[in-house]
Amino acid sequence: MKLFTISACLVLAGLLPARAIVFWNLDNSANLDDPGTGAPWDSVAKVINAGNTSLSGSAIYLGNGYLLTADHVTMGTNSFSHVTFDGTNTFEIDPTFKAGTRDLGIQVAGGADLAVFRLTIEPVGVPAVSLLTSTNEVFGGEATMIGWGVGRDPATPLESTNVTWGNASTSDLRWGLNAPLDALTVNYLSYSMEALRTIAGADGVTFNPDGLGDAEGAATLYDSGSALFQKIDDVWFLIGVATAVQNGGFSIYGDDKVSGPGGGDANYYARISTYEQDIVAVIPEPGTVSLLAAGAVALGLAALRRRRRQESRSPSGHC
């Protein structure tokens, strides 16, 4: 296993490209619907192959056919050619929008684990997110995670201190809650960037008094490229893109204090306020993506998603 460094002097064994959402005391049937708070639930996509039989990660809709994801989601993934916002209807990724020998997209800001890619058509009805432009994230304040990663291993009992991740069959669009702890420079793989850090289950640093709230989430497999949203001055902003996790294969929901990267279970998000101008710089002027007639593209995403959630609520639906 590789060693990755956090900042200039801290070393973590097992910091891995990030991954989706699991909970301490909720099973895989929880939080599969729009939380109803205004957080941009419909704006997070799953990166998939043409047949929607496998996935590479998550992505976030920027508008005009462009999506933002973790850069490592786009590398070595030439079989992942589509996205879906509702789990059923798919949109093709434009293979011509890329740089050099990449399989997909254009990397943002050189060393950052961020990339932008484009669809061949604009998905009408999918809202664009708002990127945070200034460093006024509320540290210690509630933020909403939305991603398509795997859930908990069904064999892991609820309220376990260590939650083992499930396999790809447990992947679904989920939301969870956490709070940005701090901002720091992270280094892993070939990436070096400014990141936000969240901790699962660490007493005194999340918005939960005991660190064990019902919807408090931790990132898992295939949540790379997923979203961390925060409501600031009554506007929902994208403040982070999931890029790395502290532990591979499990998440820690203990009451341990954080005195360094070893406390709790750290998740790392590329800090959008640092890279907002770089993200916008790789997107051409609006109008470069072809539009289909509203009747052909308006697929009733919200209705389809509600129906899909209802059908998935059988006891064995996510096992």
Protein backbone atom coordinates (compact mmCIF):
# COMPACT_ATOMS: atom_id res chain seq x y z
CA MET A 1 0.00 0.00 0.00
CA LYS A 2 1.29 3.45 -0.82
CA LEU A 3 2.04 6.11 1.75
CA PHE A 4 0.52 9.53 1.20
CA THR A 5 1.43 12.69 3.08
CA ILE A 6 -0.84 15.29 4.60
CA SER A 7 0.74 18.76 4.67
CA ALA A 8 4.50 18.87 4.96
CA CYS A 9 5.13 16.69 7.98
CA LEU A 10 2.24 14.30 8.62
CA VAL A 11 2.23 10.80 7.14
CA LEU A 12 -0.79 8.51 6.84
CA ALA A 13 -0.75 4.89 5.77
CA GLY A 14 -3.84 4.06 3.79
CA LEU A 15 -5.01 7.46 2.53
CA LEU A 16 -6.87 6.38 -0.59
CA PRO A 17 -8.71 8.06 -3.44
CA ALA A 18 -12.17 8.83 -2.06
CA ARG A 19 -14.86 6.93 -2.13
CA ALA A 20 -19.41 7.28 -0.75
CA ILE A 21 -21.54 7.59 2.27
CA VAL A 22 -22.06 5.23 5.20
CA PHE A 23 -23.71 5.87 8.56
CA TRP A 24 -23.12 4.71 12.12
CA ASN A 25 -26.70 3.74 12.93
CA LEU A 26 -28.57 3.78 9.59
CA ASP A 27 -28.69 0.98 7.03
CA ASN A 28 -28.49 1.15 3.23
CA SER A 29 -32.18 2.05 2.84
CA ALA A 30 -31.63 5.40 4.58
CA ASN A 31 -31.26 8.84 2.98
CA LEU A 32 -32.02 7.76 -0.58
CA ASP A 33 -34.34 10.70 -1.28
CA ASP A 34 -33.89 14.43 -1.60
CA PRO A 35 -33.30 15.70 1.94
CA GLY A 36 -35.74 18.54 1.26
CA THR A 37 -33.44 21.26 2.56
CA GLY A 38 -32.67 22.78 -0.83
CA ALA A 39 -29.28 21.04 -1.13
CA PRO A 40 -28.69 20.31 -4.87
CA TRP A 41 -29.70 16.64 -4.77
CA ASP A 42 -30.49 16.36 -8.49
CA SER A 43 -27.12 17.82 -9.53
CA VAL A 44 -24.92 14.84 -8.57
CA ALA A 45 -24.30 12.18 -11.22
CA LYS A 46 -22.84 8.68 -11.33
CA VAL A 47 -20.02 8.06 -13.85
CA ILE A 48 -20.75 4.74 -15.56
CA ASN A 49 -20.06 2.54 -18.59
CA ALA A 50 -22.38 2.49 -21.60
CA GLY A 51 -24.54 -0.31 -20.23
CA ASN A 52 -24.82 1.13 -16.71
CA THR A 53 -23.39 -2.11 -15.31
CA SER A 54 -20.36 -0.62 -13.58
CA LEU A 55 -19.31 2.74 -12.16
CA SER A 56 -16.18 4.80 -11.72
CA GLY A 57 -17.24 7.53 -9.31
CA SER A 58 -19.47 10.57 -8.92
CA ALA A 59 -19.62 13.98 -10.62
CA ILE A 60 -21.33 17.34 -10.08
CA TYR A 61 -23.23 19.31 -12.71
CA LEU A 62 -21.85 22.78 -13.50
CA GLY A 63 -24.35 23.68 -16.22
CA ASN A 64 -24.14 23.89 -20.03
CA GLY A 65 -23.31 20.18 -20.22
CA TYR A 66 -20.16 20.34 -18.04
CA LEU A 67 -19.46 18.31 -14.90
CA LEU A 68 -16.82 18.46 -12.19
CA THR A 69 -15.27 15.36 -10.64
CA ALA A 70 -12.11 14.11 -8.97
CA ASP A 71 -9.32 13.90 -11.53
CA HIS A 72 -8.50 10.28 -10.69
CA VAL A 73 -12.06 9.29 -11.71
CA THR A 74 -11.20 10.30 -15.29
CA MET A 75 -7.85 8.53 -15.49
CA GLY A 76 -7.61 5.04 -16.99
CA THR A 77 -11.38 4.81 -17.27
CA ASN A 78 -12.00 4.75 -21.02
CA SER A 79 -14.84 2.25 -20.54
CA PHE A 80 -16.73 4.81 -18.45
CA SER A 81 -18.43 6.78 -21.15
CA HIS A 82 -21.73 7.96 -19.65
CA VAL A 83 -23.34 9.49 -16.59
CA THR A 84 -26.74 9.10 -14.99
CA PHE A 85 -28.46 11.49 -12.63
CA ASP A 86 -31.40 9.24 -11.72
CA GLY A 87 -29.85 5.78 -12.05
CA THR A 88 -31.85 4.97 -15.18
CA ASN A 89 -31.46 7.57 -17.94
CA THR A 90 -27.94 7.99 -19.28
CA PHE A 91 -26.03 10.79 -21.01
CA GLU A 92 -22.94 10.23 -23.13
CA ILE A 93 -19.64 11.87 -22.19
CA ASP A 94 -18.08 13.84 -25.06
CA PRO A 95 -14.87 11.93 -25.93
CA THR A 96 -13.44 14.92 -27.79
CA PHE A 97 -13.34 17.17 -24.73
CA LYS A 98 -10.03 16.09 -23.22
CA ALA A 99 -6.41 17.08 -23.02
CA GLY A 100 -3.40 15.10 -24.25
CA THR A 101 -3.49 11.35 -23.63
CA ARG A 102 -6.26 11.51 -21.03
CA ASP A 103 -9.28 9.26 -21.29
CA LEU A 104 -11.74 11.91 -20.14
CA GLY A 105 -11.83 15.62 -19.52
CA ILE A 106 -9.34 18.30 -18.55
CA GLN A 107 -7.51 18.48 -15.22
CA VAL A 108 -8.07 21.59 -13.13
CA ALA A 109 -5.12 23.59 -11.75
CA GLY A 110 -2.33 21.13 -12.50
CA GLY A 111 -1.71 19.46 -9.16
CA ALA A 112 -5.31 19.32 -7.93
CA ASP A 113 -7.37 16.13 -7.96
CA LEU A 114 -10.10 17.87 -9.96
CA ALA A 115 -11.24 17.54 -13.57
CA VAL A 116 -13.98 18.89 -15.81
CA PHE A 117 -15.66 16.84 -18.54
CA ARG A 118 -18.50 17.50 -20.97
CA LEU A 119 -21.61 15.66 -22.15
CA THR A 120 -22.63 15.43 -25.80
CA ILE A 121 -26.01 16.98 -24.95
CA GLU A 122 -27.15 19.23 -22.14
CA PRO A 123 -29.44 17.45 -19.67
CA VAL A 124 -32.42 19.77 -19.47
CA GLY A 125 -33.93 20.01 -16.02
CA VAL A 126 -30.73 19.27 -14.11
CA PRO A 127 -29.79 22.32 -12.01
CA ALA A 128 -26.27 23.74 -12.06
CA VAL A 129 -24.53 24.11 -8.72
CA SER A 130 -23.12 27.36 -7.34
CA LEU A 131 -19.37 27.33 -6.71
CA LEU A 132 -18.08 29.03 -3.58
CA THR A 133 -15.82 31.90 -4.60
CA SER A 134 -14.51 33.08 -1.22
CA THR A 135 -13.03 31.24 1.74
CA ASN A 136 -16.00 31.73 4.04
CA GLU A 137 -16.87 28.09 4.63
CA VAL A 138 -18.37 27.64 8.09
CA PHE A 139 -15.93 25.36 9.92
CA GLY A 140 -17.80 23.31 12.47
CA GLY A 141 -21.06 24.13 10.65
CA GLU A 142 -23.38 21.57 9.11
CA ALA A 143 -22.67 20.53 5.52
CA THR A 144 -24.44 18.02 3.27
CA MET A 145 -22.62 15.20 1.47
CA ILE A 146 -24.27 13.81 -1.70
CA GLY A 147 -22.71 10.96 -3.67
CA TRP A 148 -23.17 7.64 -5.46
CA GLY A 149 -20.80 5.47 -3.44
CA VAL A 150 -21.32 2.11 -1.81
CA GLY A 151 -23.17 1.66 1.47
CA ARG A 152 -22.27 -0.35 4.54
CA ASP A 153 -21.59 -4.06 4.35
CA PRO A 154 -24.96 -5.60 5.29
CA ALA A 155 -23.07 -7.92 7.66
CA THR A 156 -21.87 -4.94 9.75
CA PRO A 157 -24.26 -4.45 12.68
CA LEU A 158 -25.80 -1.02 13.20
CA GLU A 159 -24.04 1.17 15.76
CA SER A 160 -20.71 -0.54 15.14
CA THR A 161 -17.67 1.57 15.88
CA ASN A 162 -16.06 0.38 12.64
CA VAL A 163 -18.42 0.31 9.63
CA THR A 164 -17.18 -1.96 6.85
CA TRP A 165 -18.04 -0.85 3.32
CA GLY A 166 -20.30 -2.88 1.06
CA ASN A 167 -19.62 -3.91 -2.54
CA ALA A 168 -20.73 -2.23 -5.77
CA SER A 169 -24.25 -3.64 -5.42
CA THR A 170 -24.79 -1.30 -2.44
CA SER A 171 -24.01 1.82 -4.48
CA ASP A 172 -26.80 4.38 -4.53
CA LEU A 173 -27.37 8.12 -4.40
CA ARG A 174 -27.32 9.04 -0.72
CA TRP A 175 -26.98 12.14 1.39
CA GLY A 176 -25.30 12.50 4.74
CA LEU A 177 -24.22 15.25 7.10
CA ASN A 178 -20.83 16.27 8.38
CA ALA A 179 -18.95 19.46 9.19
CA PRO A 180 -15.72 20.88 7.75
CA LEU A 181 -13.08 20.63 10.45
CA ASP A 182 -10.26 22.60 8.86
CA ALA A 183 -8.38 23.32 5.63
CA LEU A 184 -4.93 21.94 4.89
CA THR A 185 -2.63 20.90 2.06
CA VAL A 186 -2.85 17.23 1.10
CA ASN A 187 -0.48 15.15 -1.00
CA TYR A 188 -1.38 11.71 -2.36
CA LEU A 189 -0.81 9.83 -5.61
CA SER A 190 0.54 12.62 -7.85
CA TYR A 191 -1.75 15.30 -6.38
CA SER A 192 -1.00 18.23 -4.12
CA MET A 193 -3.84 20.59 -3.29
CA GLU A 194 -5.75 22.64 -0.76
CA ALA A 195 -8.44 20.52 0.87
CA LEU A 196 -11.21 20.61 3.45
CA ARG A 197 -11.17 17.87 6.07
CA THR A 198 -14.17 16.27 7.77
CA ILE A 199 -14.11 13.66 10.53
CA ALA A 200 -16.65 10.91 11.21
CA GLY A 201 -17.61 10.34 14.81
CA ALA A 202 -14.98 12.55 16.42
CA ASP A 203 -16.33 14.18 19.57
CA GLY A 204 -16.19 17.95 19.68
CA VAL A 205 -15.39 18.64 16.03
CA THR A 206 -18.62 17.79 14.22
CA PHE A 207 -21.92 19.61 14.56
CA ASN A 208 -23.24 16.64 16.57
CA PRO A 209 -22.64 17.01 20.32
CA ASP A 210 -21.55 13.37 20.56
CA GLY A 211 -20.36 12.87 16.97
CA LEU A 212 -22.94 10.14 16.38
CA GLY A 213 -25.95 11.84 14.79
CA ASP A 214 -28.36 9.74 12.73
CA ALA A 215 -27.38 11.21 9.38
CA GLU A 216 -23.71 11.85 10.06
CA GLY A 217 -21.89 10.31 7.12
CA ALA A 218 -18.44 9.16 6.06
CA ALA A 219 -17.16 8.72 2.52
CA THR A 220 -16.65 5.27 0.97
CA LEU A 221 -15.87 3.58 -2.35
CA TYR A 222 -17.05 5.38 -5.53
CA ASP A 223 -17.76 8.67 -3.79
CA SER A 224 -14.75 10.22 -5.52
CA GLY A 225 -16.04 13.31 -7.30
CA SER A 226 -19.08 13.65 -5.04
CA ALA A 227 -20.26 16.85 -3.42
CA LEU A 228 -19.97 18.64 -0.10
CA PHE A 229 -22.56 21.43 0.00
CA GLN A 230 -23.03 24.13 2.61
CA LYS A 231 -25.74 26.77 2.97
CA ILE A 232 -24.10 30.16 3.41
CA ASP A 233 -26.18 33.36 3.63
CA ASP A 234 -29.25 31.39 2.47
CA VAL A 235 -27.51 30.08 -0.68
CA TRP A 236 -26.37 26.47 -1.20
CA PHE A 237 -22.77 26.39 -2.41
CA LEU A 238 -20.52 23.57 -3.50
CA ILE A 239 -17.63 23.88 -1.06
CA GLY A 240 -15.79 20.61 -1.69
CA VAL A 241 -15.33 17.66 -4.06
CA ALA A 242 -14.52 14.31 -2.42
CA THR A 243 -11.02 13.17 -3.32
CA ALA A 244 -9.47 11.00 -0.58
CA VAL A 245 -10.25 9.00 2.54
CA GLN A 246 -8.11 8.12 5.53
CA ASN A 247 -8.93 4.41 5.69
CA GLY A 248 -9.61 1.87 2.95
CA GLY A 249 -12.54 -0.52 3.39
CA PHE A 250 -14.03 0.83 6.61
CA SER A 251 -15.04 4.02 8.44
CA ILE A 252 -14.52 4.79 12.12
CA TYR A 253 -17.38 6.12 14.24
CA GLY A 254 -15.65 6.50 17.58
CA ASP A 255 -15.82 9.23 20.19
CA ASP A 256 -12.10 9.97 19.91
CA LYS A 257 -10.88 13.56 19.92
CA VAL A 258 -8.91 14.77 16.93
CA SER A 259 -5.32 15.65 17.77
CA GLY A 260 -4.05 14.89 14.27
CA PRO A 261 -4.99 12.94 11.16
CA GLY A 262 -5.29 9.74 13.20
CA GLY A 263 -8.37 10.90 15.13
CA GLY A 264 -11.74 9.79 13.86
CA ASP A 265 -12.04 8.94 10.17
CA ALA A 266 -10.81 11.79 7.98
CA ASN A 267 -12.31 12.53 4.56
CA TYR A 268 -10.70 15.07 2.24
CA TYR A 269 -12.46 17.38 -0.22
CA ALA A 270 -10.78 19.59 -2.82
CA ARG A 271 -11.50 23.11 -1.57
CA ILE A 272 -13.68 24.81 -4.18
CA SER A 273 -13.01 28.35 -2.95
CA THR A 274 -9.34 27.81 -3.82
CA TYR A 275 -9.99 26.45 -7.32
CA GLU A 276 -13.18 28.20 -8.47
CA GLN A 277 -11.40 30.40 -11.03
CA ASP A 278 -9.39 27.44 -12.33
CA ILE A 279 -12.59 25.42 -12.78
CA VAL A 280 -14.31 28.19 -14.70
CA ALA A 281 -11.20 28.73 -16.84
CA VAL A 282 -11.42 25.27 -18.48
CA ILE A 283 -15.07 25.69 -19.47
CA PRO A 284 -15.66 27.35 -22.88
CA GLU A 285 -18.30 29.99 -23.30
CA PRO A 286 -21.92 28.75 -22.90
CA GLY A 287 -23.55 27.47 -26.05
CA THR A 288 -20.83 25.05 -27.13
CA VAL A 289 -22.92 22.06 -26.08
CA SER A 290 -25.76 21.10 -28.41
CA LEU A 291 -29.26 21.25 -26.96
CA LEU A 292 -32.08 18.86 -27.73
CA ALA A 293 -35.71 19.89 -27.70
CA ALA A 294 -37.16 20.06 -24.24
CA GLY A 295 -39.62 17.29 -25.03
CA ALA A 296 -36.79 14.92 -25.97
CA VAL A 297 -34.55 15.64 -23.03
CA ALA A 298 -36.94 16.45 -20.18
CA LEU A 299 -37.00 12.91 -18.85
CA GLY A 300 -38.93 13.46 -15.69
CA LEU A 301 -35.84 12.85 -13.54
CA ALA A 302 -37.47 13.68 -10.26
CA ALA A 303 -40.49 11.44 -10.86
CA LEU A 304 -38.33 8.55 -12.05
CA ARG A 305 -36.08 8.88 -9.03
CA ARG A 306 -39.01 8.88 -6.61
CA ARG A 307 -40.40 5.76 -8.27
CA ARG A 308 -37.00 4.09 -8.21
CA ARG A 309 -36.58 4.83 -4.49
CA GLN A 310 -39.98 3.36 -3.72
CA GLU A 311 -39.15 0.19 -5.63
CA SER A 312 -35.80 -0.18 -3.83
CA ARG A 313 -37.20 -0.17 -0.30
CA SER A 314 -37.70 -3.94 0.00
CA PRO A 315 -35.63 -5.53 2.82
CA SER A 316 -33.28 -7.18 0.32
CA GLY A 317 -33.03 -4.24 -2.06
CA HIS A 318 -29.53 -3.19 -1.04
CA CYS A 319 -27.98 -6.42 0.20
